[in-house]
């Protein structure tokens, strides 16, 4: 795709909302080998990445296991998707 073909995707944002159940929090705590936070207590730092992921049916996945391209992400072929970095700033414990 040419650079101008990506224009419809530039500046797009995606937002998701979800509810955490006690059972899901207990499962993640068990996976990490950590104690389960008590009800009302904040999750430990970075645990949010274990939640809030939209479910995608197998038919909606690309060959790399990520959601198929062409929806929120542009249909850019022959590219490996990965998280290449980020920056977090914690304002409170």
PDB file of N, CA and C in Angstrom:
ATOM      1  N   UNK A   1       0.838  -1.182   0.000  1.00  0.00           N
ATOM      2  CA  UNK A   1       0.000   0.000   0.000  1.00  0.00           C
ATOM      3  C   UNK A   1       0.881   1.243   0.000  1.00  0.00           C
ATOM      4  N   UNK A   2       0.453   2.248  -0.708  1.00  0.00           N
ATOM      5  CA  UNK A   2       1.178   3.513  -0.707  1.00  0.00           C
ATOM      6  C   UNK A   2       0.912   4.243   0.606  1.00  0.00           C
ATOM      7  N   UNK A   3       1.783   5.191   0.911  1.00  0.00           N
ATOM      8  CA  UNK A   3       1.634   5.936   2.164  1.00  0.00           C
ATOM      9  C   UNK A   3       0.293   6.656   2.241  1.00  0.00           C
ATOM     10  N   UNK A   4      -0.158   7.203   1.128  1.00  0.00           N
ATOM     11  CA  UNK A   4      -1.441   7.922   1.138  1.00  0.00           C
ATOM     12  C   UNK A   4      -2.620   6.982   1.365  1.00  0.00           C
ATOM     13  N   UNK A   5      -2.444   5.706   1.040  1.00  0.00           N
ATOM     14  CA  UNK A   5      -3.523   4.740   1.244  1.00  0.00           C
ATOM     15  C   UNK A   5      -3.781   4.492   2.729  1.00  0.00           C
ATOM     16  N   UNK A   6      -2.802   4.822   3.573  1.00  0.00           N
ATOM     17  CA  UNK A   6      -2.961   4.631   5.014  1.00  0.00           C
ATOM     18  C   UNK A   6      -3.683   5.798   5.679  1.00  0.00           C
ATOM     19  N   UNK A   7      -3.929   6.873   4.948  1.00  0.00           N
ATOM     20  CA  UNK A   7      -4.530   8.088   5.513  1.00  0.00           C
ATOM     21  C   UNK A   7      -5.809   7.829   6.316  1.00  0.00           C
ATOM     22  N   UNK A   8      -6.714   6.954   5.854  1.00  0.00           N
ATOM     23  CA  UNK A   8      -7.939   6.730   6.644  1.00  0.00           C
ATOM     24  C   UNK A   8      -7.681   6.132   8.035  1.00  0.00           C
ATOM     25  N   UNK A   9      -6.505   5.560   8.251  1.00  0.00           N
ATOM     26  CA  UNK A   9      -6.207   4.934   9.542  1.00  0.00           C
ATOM     27  C   UNK A   9      -5.414   5.847  10.470  1.00  0.00           C
ATOM     28  N   UNK A  10      -4.840   6.917   9.956  1.00  0.00           N
ATOM     29  CA  UNK A  10      -4.024   7.809  10.776  1.00  0.00           C
ATOM     30  C   UNK A  10      -4.920   8.563  11.758  1.00  0.00           C
ATOM     31  N   UNK A  11      -4.529   8.536  13.021  1.00  0.00           N
ATOM     32  CA  UNK A  11      -5.274   9.234  14.060  1.00  0.00           C
ATOM     33  C   UNK A  11      -6.450   8.466  14.622  1.00  0.00           C
ATOM     34  N   UNK A  12      -6.678   7.267  14.141  1.00  0.00           N
ATOM     35  CA  UNK A  12      -7.776   6.466  14.685  1.00  0.00           C
ATOM     36  C   UNK A  12      -7.503   6.120  16.138  1.00  0.00           C
ATOM     37  N   UNK A  13      -8.556   5.975  16.884  1.00  0.00           N
ATOM     38  CA  UNK A  13      -8.448   5.546  18.271  1.00  0.00           C
ATOM     39  C   UNK A  13      -9.413   4.400  18.507  1.00  0.00           C
ATOM     40  N   UNK A  14      -9.066   3.586  19.459  1.00  0.00           N
ATOM     41  CA  UNK A  14      -9.924   2.464  19.823  1.00  0.00           C
ATOM     42  C   UNK A  14     -10.026   2.446  21.342  1.00  0.00           C
ATOM     43  N   UNK A  15     -11.219   2.279  21.838  1.00  0.00           N
ATOM     44  CA  UNK A  15     -11.457   2.276  23.279  1.00  0.00           C
ATOM     45  C   UNK A  15     -12.344   1.087  23.612  1.00  0.00           C
ATOM     46  N   UNK A  16     -12.007   0.392  24.686  1.00  0.00           N
ATOM     47  CA  UNK A  16     -12.830  -0.731  25.115  1.00  0.00           C
ATOM     48  C   UNK A  16     -13.218  -0.546  26.580  1.00  0.00           C
ATOM     49  N   UNK A  17     -14.322  -1.145  26.943  1.00  0.00           N
ATOM     50  CA  UNK A  17     -14.806  -1.119  28.320  1.00  0.00           C
ATOM     51  C   UNK A  17     -15.116  -2.553  28.713  1.00  0.00           C
ATOM     52  N   UNK A  18     -14.885  -2.866  29.948  1.00  0.00           N
ATOM     53  CA  UNK A  18     -15.138  -4.214  30.425  1.00  0.00           C
ATOM     54  C   UNK A  18     -15.386  -4.148  31.927  1.00  0.00           C
ATOM     55  N   UNK A  19     -15.856  -5.230  32.475  1.00  0.00           N
ATOM     56  CA  UNK A  19     -16.032  -5.350  33.917  1.00  0.00           C
ATOM     57  C   UNK A  19     -15.184  -6.512  34.394  1.00  0.00           C
ATOM     58  N   UNK A  20     -14.494  -6.302  35.486  1.00  0.00           N
ATOM     59  CA  UNK A  20     -13.679  -7.367  36.053  1.00  0.00           C
ATOM     60  C   UNK A  20     -14.514  -8.162  37.046  1.00  0.00           C
ATOM     61  N   UNK A  21     -14.483  -9.451  36.892  1.00  0.00           N
ATOM     62  CA  UNK A  21     -15.149 -10.296  37.880  1.00  0.00           C
ATOM     63  C   UNK A  21     -14.107 -10.792  38.877  1.00  0.00           C
ATOM     64  N   UNK A  22     -14.561 -11.113  40.038  1.00  0.00           N
ATOM     65  CA  UNK A  22     -13.667 -11.655  41.071  1.00  0.00           C
ATOM     66  C   UNK A  22     -12.983 -12.915  40.559  1.00  0.00           C
ATOM     67  N   UNK A  23     -13.718 -13.725  39.823  1.00  0.00           N
ATOM     68  CA  UNK A  23     -13.168 -14.974  39.319  1.00  0.00           C
ATOM     69  C   UNK A  23     -12.017 -14.727  38.340  1.00  0.00           C
ATOM     70  N   UNK A  24     -12.164 -13.748  37.449  1.00  0.00           N
ATOM     71  CA  UNK A  24     -11.077 -13.434  36.511  1.00  0.00           C
ATOM     72  C   UNK A  24      -9.834 -12.945  37.247  1.00  0.00           C
ATOM     73  N   UNK A  25     -10.031 -12.105  38.243  1.00  0.00           N
ATOM     74  CA  UNK A  25      -8.896 -11.605  39.018  1.00  0.00           C
ATOM     75  C   UNK A  25      -8.201 -12.760  39.735  1.00  0.00           C
ATOM     76  N   UNK A  26      -8.977 -13.693  40.283  1.00  0.00           N
ATOM     77  CA  UNK A  26      -8.389 -14.859  40.951  1.00  0.00           C
ATOM     78  C   UNK A  26      -7.588 -15.712  39.976  1.00  0.00           C
ATOM     79  N   UNK A  27      -8.076 -15.850  38.751  1.00  0.00           N
ATOM     80  CA  UNK A  27      -7.351 -16.645  37.745  1.00  0.00           C
ATOM     81  C   UNK A  27      -6.016 -16.004  37.378  1.00  0.00           C
ATOM     82  N   UNK A  28      -6.022 -14.689  37.194  1.00  0.00           N
ATOM     83  CA  UNK A  28      -4.774 -14.009  36.858  1.00  0.00           C
ATOM     84  C   UNK A  28      -3.800 -14.076  38.029  1.00  0.00           C
ATOM     85  N   UNK A  29      -4.303 -13.899  39.251  1.00  0.00           N
ATOM     86  CA  UNK A  29      -3.444 -14.008  40.431  1.00  0.00           C
ATOM     87  C   UNK A  29      -2.802 -15.392  40.497  1.00  0.00           C
ATOM     88  N   UNK A  30      -3.584 -16.424  40.229  1.00  0.00           N
ATOM     89  CA  UNK A  30      -3.046 -17.783  40.240  1.00  0.00           C
ATOM     90  C   UNK A  30      -2.004 -17.963  39.140  1.00  0.00           C
ATOM     91  N   UNK A  31      -2.268 -17.396  37.975  1.00  0.00           N
ATOM     92  CA  UNK A  31      -1.315 -17.492  36.862  1.00  0.00           C
ATOM     93  C   UNK A  31       0.013 -16.844  37.227  1.00  0.00           C
ATOM     94  N   UNK A  32      -0.045 -15.693  37.886  1.00  0.00           N
ATOM     95  CA  UNK A  32       1.167 -14.968  38.262  1.00  0.00           C
ATOM     96  C   UNK A  32       1.780 -15.473  39.569  1.00  0.00           C
ATOM     97  N   UNK A  33       1.074 -16.384  40.263  1.00  0.00           N
ATOM     98  CA  UNK A  33       1.569 -16.870  41.544  1.00  0.00           C
ATOM     99  C   UNK A  33       1.547 -15.794  42.619  1.00  0.00           C
ATOM    100  N   UNK A  34       0.564 -14.916  42.547  1.00  0.00           N
ATOM    101  CA  UNK A  34       0.443 -13.792  43.473  1.00  0.00           C
ATOM    102  C   UNK A  34      -0.843 -13.925  44.286  1.00  0.00           C
ATOM    103  N   UNK A  35      -0.902 -13.283  45.449  1.00  0.00           N
ATOM    104  CA  UNK A  35      -2.156 -13.301  46.208  1.00  0.00           C
ATOM    105  C   UNK A  35      -3.239 -12.523  45.466  1.00  0.00           C
ATOM    106  N   UNK A  36      -4.462 -12.949  45.632  1.00  0.00           N
ATOM    107  CA  UNK A  36      -5.587 -12.270  44.989  1.00  0.00           C
ATOM    108  C   UNK A  36      -5.872 -10.961  45.713  1.00  0.00           C
ATOM    109  N   UNK A  37      -5.900  -9.841  44.978  1.00  0.00           N
ATOM    110  CA  UNK A  37      -6.258  -8.573  45.632  1.00  0.00           C
ATOM    111  C   UNK A  37      -7.654  -8.668  46.242  1.00  0.00           C
ATOM    112  N   UNK A  38      -7.843  -8.012  47.377  1.00  0.00           N
ATOM    113  CA  UNK A  38      -9.155  -8.022  48.015  1.00  0.00           C
ATOM    114  C   UNK A  38     -10.096  -7.107  47.245  1.00  0.00           C
ATOM    115  N   UNK A  39     -11.387  -7.356  47.389  1.00  0.00           N
ATOM    116  CA  UNK A  39     -12.398  -6.566  46.685  1.00  0.00           C
ATOM    117  C   UNK A  39     -12.225  -5.076  46.991  1.00  0.00           C
ATOM    118  N   UNK A  40     -12.183  -4.263  45.959  1.00  0.00           N
ATOM    119  CA  UNK A  40     -12.027  -2.822  46.120  1.00  0.00           C
ATOM    120  C   UNK A  40     -10.587  -2.343  46.087  1.00  0.00           C
ATOM    121  N   UNK A  41      -9.642  -3.270  46.228  1.00  0.00           N
ATOM    122  CA  UNK A  41      -8.223  -2.916  46.177  1.00  0.00           C
ATOM    123  C   UNK A  41      -7.796  -2.774  44.710  1.00  0.00           C
ATOM    124  N   UNK A  42      -6.900  -1.860  44.448  1.00  0.00           N
ATOM    125  CA  UNK A  42      -6.403  -1.680  43.081  1.00  0.00           C
ATOM    126  C   UNK A  42      -5.620  -2.911  42.638  1.00  0.00           C
ATOM    127  N   UNK A  43      -5.683  -3.190  41.361  1.00  0.00           N
ATOM    128  CA  UNK A  43      -4.863  -4.267  40.817  1.00  0.00           C
ATOM    129  C   UNK A  43      -3.397  -3.865  40.882  1.00  0.00           C
ATOM    130  N   UNK A  44      -2.493  -4.827  41.010  1.00  0.00           N
ATOM    131  CA  UNK A  44      -1.071  -4.496  40.968  1.00  0.00           C
ATOM    132  C   UNK A  44      -0.700  -3.856  39.623  1.00  0.00           C
ATOM    133  N   UNK A  45       0.371  -3.070  39.608  1.00  0.00           N
ATOM    134  CA  UNK A  45       0.783  -2.424  38.363  1.00  0.00           C
ATOM    135  C   UNK A  45       0.941  -3.424  37.214  1.00  0.00           C
ATOM    136  N   UNK A  46       0.485  -3.023  36.068  1.00  0.00           N
ATOM    137  CA  UNK A  46       0.582  -3.735  34.785  1.00  0.00           C
ATOM    138  C   UNK A  46      -0.388  -4.903  34.628  1.00  0.00           C
ATOM    139  N   UNK A  47      -1.153  -5.245  35.658  1.00  0.00           N
ATOM    140  CA  UNK A  47      -2.132  -6.320  35.518  1.00  0.00           C
ATOM    141  C   UNK A  47      -3.218  -5.964  34.519  1.00  0.00           C
ATOM    142  N   UNK A  48      -3.413  -4.700  34.252  1.00  0.00           N
ATOM    143  CA  UNK A  48      -4.475  -4.297  33.319  1.00  0.00           C
ATOM    144  C   UNK A  48      -4.278  -4.927  31.945  1.00  0.00           C
ATOM    145  N   UNK A  49      -3.042  -5.280  31.592  1.00  0.00           N
ATOM    146  CA  UNK A  49      -2.802  -5.884  30.282  1.00  0.00           C
ATOM    147  C   UNK A  49      -3.349  -7.312  30.188  1.00  0.00           C
ATOM    148  N   UNK A  50      -3.664  -7.910  31.307  1.00  0.00           N
ATOM    149  CA  UNK A  50      -4.244  -9.254  31.280  1.00  0.00           C
ATOM    150  C   UNK A  50      -5.757  -9.218  31.066  1.00  0.00           C
ATOM    151  N   UNK A  51      -6.333  -8.033  31.087  1.00  0.00           N
ATOM    152  CA  UNK A  51      -7.774  -7.865  30.937  1.00  0.00           C
ATOM    153  C   UNK A  51      -8.068  -6.957  29.747  1.00  0.00           C
ATOM    154  N   UNK A  52      -9.316  -6.682  29.529  1.00  0.00           N
ATOM    155  CA  UNK A  52      -9.786  -5.689  28.551  1.00  0.00           C
ATOM    156  C   UNK A  52      -9.396  -5.995  27.111  1.00  0.00           C
ATOM    157  N   UNK A  53      -9.339  -7.238  26.763  1.00  0.00           N
ATOM    158  CA  UNK A  53      -9.041  -7.609  25.386  1.00  0.00           C
ATOM    159  C   UNK A  53     -10.323  -8.110  24.736  1.00  0.00           C
ATOM    160  N   UNK A  54     -10.644  -7.534  23.600  1.00  0.00           N
ATOM    161  CA  UNK A  54     -11.864  -7.935  22.909  1.00  0.00           C
ATOM    162  C   UNK A  54     -11.745  -9.374  22.415  1.00  0.00           C
ATOM    163  N   UNK A  55     -12.773 -10.180  22.651  1.00  0.00           N
ATOM    164  CA  UNK A  55     -12.742 -11.548  22.130  1.00  0.00           C
ATOM    165  C   UNK A  55     -12.892 -11.536  20.614  1.00  0.00           C
ATOM    166  N   UNK A  56     -12.125 -12.371  19.956  1.00  0.00           N
ATOM    167  CA  UNK A  56     -12.176 -12.485  18.498  1.00  0.00           C
ATOM    168  C   UNK A  56     -12.339 -13.960  18.161  1.00  0.00           C
ATOM    169  N   UNK A  57     -13.353 -14.271  17.364  1.00  0.00           N
ATOM    170  CA  UNK A  57     -13.552 -15.657  16.940  1.00  0.00           C
ATOM    171  C   UNK A  57     -12.384 -16.091  16.068  1.00  0.00           C
ATOM    172  N   UNK A  58     -12.126 -17.385  16.023  1.00  0.00           N
ATOM    173  CA  UNK A  58     -11.010 -17.909  15.239  1.00  0.00           C
ATOM    174  C   UNK A  58     -11.074 -17.448  13.788  1.00  0.00           C
ATOM    175  N   UNK A  59     -12.272 -17.368  13.231  1.00  0.00           N
ATOM    176  CA  UNK A  59     -12.420 -16.943  11.833  1.00  0.00           C
ATOM    177  C   UNK A  59     -12.020 -15.483  11.638  1.00  0.00           C
ATOM    178  N   UNK A  60     -11.977 -14.705  12.707  1.00  0.00           N
ATOM    179  CA  UNK A  60     -11.616 -13.298  12.620  1.00  0.00           C
ATOM    180  C   UNK A  60     -10.149 -13.024  12.895  1.00  0.00           C
ATOM    181  N   UNK A  61      -9.347 -14.087  13.027  1.00  0.00           N
ATOM    182  CA  UNK A  61      -7.923 -13.930  13.288  1.00  0.00           C
ATOM    183  C   UNK A  61      -7.121 -14.006  11.998  1.00  0.00           C
ATOM    184  N   UNK A  62      -6.017 -13.282  11.967  1.00  0.00           N
ATOM    185  CA  UNK A  62      -5.088 -13.373  10.851  1.00  0.00           C
ATOM    186  C   UNK A  62      -4.146 -14.544  11.070  1.00  0.00           C
ATOM    187  N   UNK A  63      -3.254 -14.781  10.117  1.00  0.00           N
ATOM    188  CA  UNK A  63      -2.323 -15.908  10.216  1.00  0.00           C
ATOM    189  C   UNK A  63      -1.356 -15.747  11.385  1.00  0.00           C
ATOM    190  N   UNK A  64      -1.169 -14.514  11.865  1.00  0.00           N
ATOM    191  CA  UNK A  64      -0.257 -14.283  12.983  1.00  0.00           C
ATOM    192  C   UNK A  64      -0.943 -14.410  14.340  1.00  0.00           C
ATOM    193  N   UNK A  65      -2.239 -14.738  14.350  1.00  0.00           N
ATOM    194  CA  UNK A  65      -2.967 -14.910  15.599  1.00  0.00           C
ATOM    195  C   UNK A  65      -3.576 -13.643  16.153  1.00  0.00           C
ATOM    196  N   UNK A  66      -3.298 -12.510  15.546  1.00  0.00           N
ATOM    197  CA  UNK A  66      -3.904 -11.233  15.930  1.00  0.00           C
ATOM    198  C   UNK A  66      -5.208 -11.060  15.160  1.00  0.00           C
ATOM    199  N   UNK A  67      -6.068 -10.133  15.597  1.00  0.00           N
ATOM    200  CA  UNK A  67      -7.274  -9.853  14.803  1.00  0.00           C
ATOM    201  C   UNK A  67      -6.901  -9.512  13.358  1.00  0.00           C
ATOM    202  N   UNK A  68      -7.708  -9.993  12.428  1.00  0.00           N
ATOM    203  CA  UNK A  68      -7.431  -9.770  11.004  1.00  0.00           C
ATOM    204  C   UNK A  68      -7.337  -8.280  10.703  1.00  0.00           C
ATOM    205  N   UNK A  69      -6.504  -7.952   9.754  1.00  0.00           N
ATOM    206  CA  UNK A  69      -6.309  -6.556   9.357  1.00  0.00           C
ATOM    207  C   UNK A  69      -7.445  -6.093   8.467  1.00  0.00           C
ATOM    208  N   UNK A  70      -7.585  -4.778   8.379  1.00  0.00           N
ATOM    209  CA  UNK A  70      -8.595  -4.200   7.507  1.00  0.00           C
ATOM    210  C   UNK A  70      -9.747  -3.578   8.260  1.00  0.00           C
ATOM    211  N   UNK A  71      -9.832  -3.840   9.561  1.00  0.00           N
ATOM    212  CA  UNK A  71     -10.854  -3.197  10.381  1.00  0.00           C
ATOM    213  C   UNK A  71     -10.252  -1.968  11.021  1.00  0.00           C
ATOM    214  N   UNK A  72      -9.865  -2.104  12.296  1.00  0.00           N
ATOM    215  CA  UNK A  72      -9.212  -0.980  12.965  1.00  0.00           C
ATOM    216  C   UNK A  72      -7.812  -0.760  12.398  1.00  0.00           C
ATOM    217  N   UNK A  73      -7.107  -1.843  12.124  1.00  0.00           N
ATOM    218  CA  UNK A  73      -5.763  -1.749  11.548  1.00  0.00           C
ATOM    219  C   UNK A  73      -5.836  -1.806  10.029  1.00  0.00           C
ATOM    220  N   UNK A  74      -4.958  -1.084   9.332  1.00  0.00           N
ATOM    221  CA  UNK A  74      -4.994  -1.110   7.865  1.00  0.00           C
ATOM    222  C   UNK A  74      -4.601  -2.483   7.330  1.00  0.00           C
ATOM    223  N   UNK A  75      -5.044  -2.813   6.123  1.00  0.00           N
ATOM    224  CA  UNK A  75      -4.724  -4.116   5.531  1.00  0.00           C
ATOM    225  C   UNK A  75      -3.307  -4.141   4.963  1.00  0.00           C
ATOM    226  N   UNK A  76      -2.308  -3.960   5.810  1.00  0.00           N
ATOM    227  CA  UNK A  76      -0.906  -3.956   5.387  1.00  0.00           C
ATOM    228  C   UNK A  76      -0.389  -5.387   5.421  1.00  0.00           C
ATOM    229  N   UNK A  77      -0.140  -5.950   4.269  1.00  0.00           N
ATOM    230  CA  UNK A  77       0.308  -7.344   4.180  1.00  0.00           C
ATOM    231  C   UNK A  77       1.803  -7.470   4.476  1.00  0.00           C
ATOM    232  N   UNK A  78       2.200  -8.687   4.771  1.00  0.00           N
ATOM    233  CA  UNK A  78       3.607  -9.049   4.971  1.00  0.00           C
ATOM    234  C   UNK A  78       4.298  -8.230   6.055  1.00  0.00           C
ATOM    235  N   UNK A  79       3.585  -7.925   7.102  1.00  0.00           N
ATOM    236  CA  UNK A  79       4.193  -7.222   8.228  1.00  0.00           C
ATOM    237  C   UNK A  79       3.914  -8.031   9.499  1.00  0.00           C
ATOM    238  N   UNK A  80       4.944  -8.217  10.288  1.00  0.00           N
ATOM    239  CA  UNK A  80       4.771  -8.878  11.575  1.00  0.00           C
ATOM    240  C   UNK A  80       4.347  -7.838  12.599  1.00  0.00           C
ATOM    241  N   UNK A  81       3.337  -8.178  13.375  1.00  0.00           N
ATOM    242  CA  UNK A  81       2.880  -7.254  14.411  1.00  0.00           C
ATOM    243  C   UNK A  81       3.498  -7.653  15.735  1.00  0.00           C
ATOM    244  N   UNK A  82       3.946  -6.654  16.439  1.00  0.00           N
ATOM    245  CA  UNK A  82       4.502  -6.885  17.763  1.00  0.00           C
ATOM    246  C   UNK A  82       4.451  -5.578  18.527  1.00  0.00           C
ATOM    247  N   UNK A  83       4.579  -5.692  19.806  1.00  0.00           N
ATOM    248  CA  UNK A  83       4.658  -4.495  20.618  1.00  0.00           C
ATOM    249  C   UNK A  83       6.125  -4.108  20.655  1.00  0.00           C
ATOM    250  N   UNK A  84       6.459  -2.995  20.062  1.00  0.00           N
ATOM    251  CA  UNK A  84       7.853  -2.594  19.924  1.00  0.00           C
ATOM    252  C   UNK A  84       8.327  -1.688  21.049  1.00  0.00           C
ATOM    253  N   UNK A  85       7.451  -1.332  21.944  1.00  0.00           N
ATOM    254  CA  UNK A  85       7.886  -0.504  23.059  1.00  0.00           C
ATOM    255  C   UNK A  85       6.776   0.384  23.566  1.00  0.00           C
ATOM    256  N   UNK A  86       7.025   0.984  24.660  1.00  0.00           N
ATOM    257  CA  UNK A  86       6.050   1.882  25.245  1.00  0.00           C
ATOM    258  C   UNK A  86       6.643   2.573  26.454  1.00  0.00           C
ATOM    259  N   UNK A  87       5.880   3.476  26.998  1.00  0.00           N
ATOM    260  CA  UNK A  87       6.334   4.217  28.166  1.00  0.00           C
ATOM    261  C   UNK A  87       5.146   4.362  29.106  1.00  0.00           C
ATOM    262  N   UNK A  88       5.370   4.060  30.361  1.00  0.00           N
ATOM    263  CA  UNK A  88       4.335   4.205  31.377  1.00  0.00           C
ATOM    264  C   UNK A  88       4.833   5.149  32.454  1.00  0.00           C
ATOM    265  N   UNK A  89       3.929   5.930  32.970  1.00  0.00           N
ATOM    266  CA  UNK A  89       4.255   6.814  34.080  1.00  0.00           C
ATOM    267  C   UNK A  89       3.226   6.567  35.176  1.00  0.00           C
ATOM    268  N   UNK A  90       3.693   6.140  36.337  1.00  0.00           N
ATOM    269  CA  UNK A  90       2.814   5.860  37.462  1.00  0.00           C
ATOM    270  C   UNK A  90       2.715   7.113  38.326  1.00  0.00           C
ATOM    271  N   UNK A  91       1.502   7.619  38.498  1.00  0.00           N
ATOM    272  CA  UNK A  91       1.280   8.825  39.285  1.00  0.00           C
ATOM    273  C   UNK A  91       0.965   8.513  40.744  1.00  0.00           C
ATOM    274  N   UNK A  92       0.497   7.303  41.004  1.00  0.00           N
ATOM    275  CA  UNK A  92       0.185   6.887  42.366  1.00  0.00           C
ATOM    276  C   UNK A  92       0.480   5.403  42.486  1.00  0.00           C
ATOM    277  N   UNK A  93       0.762   4.953  43.716  1.00  0.00           N
ATOM    278  CA  UNK A  93       0.985   3.503  43.880  1.00  0.00           C
ATOM    279  C   UNK A  93      -0.295   2.718  43.714  1.00  0.00           C
TER     280      UNK A  93
END
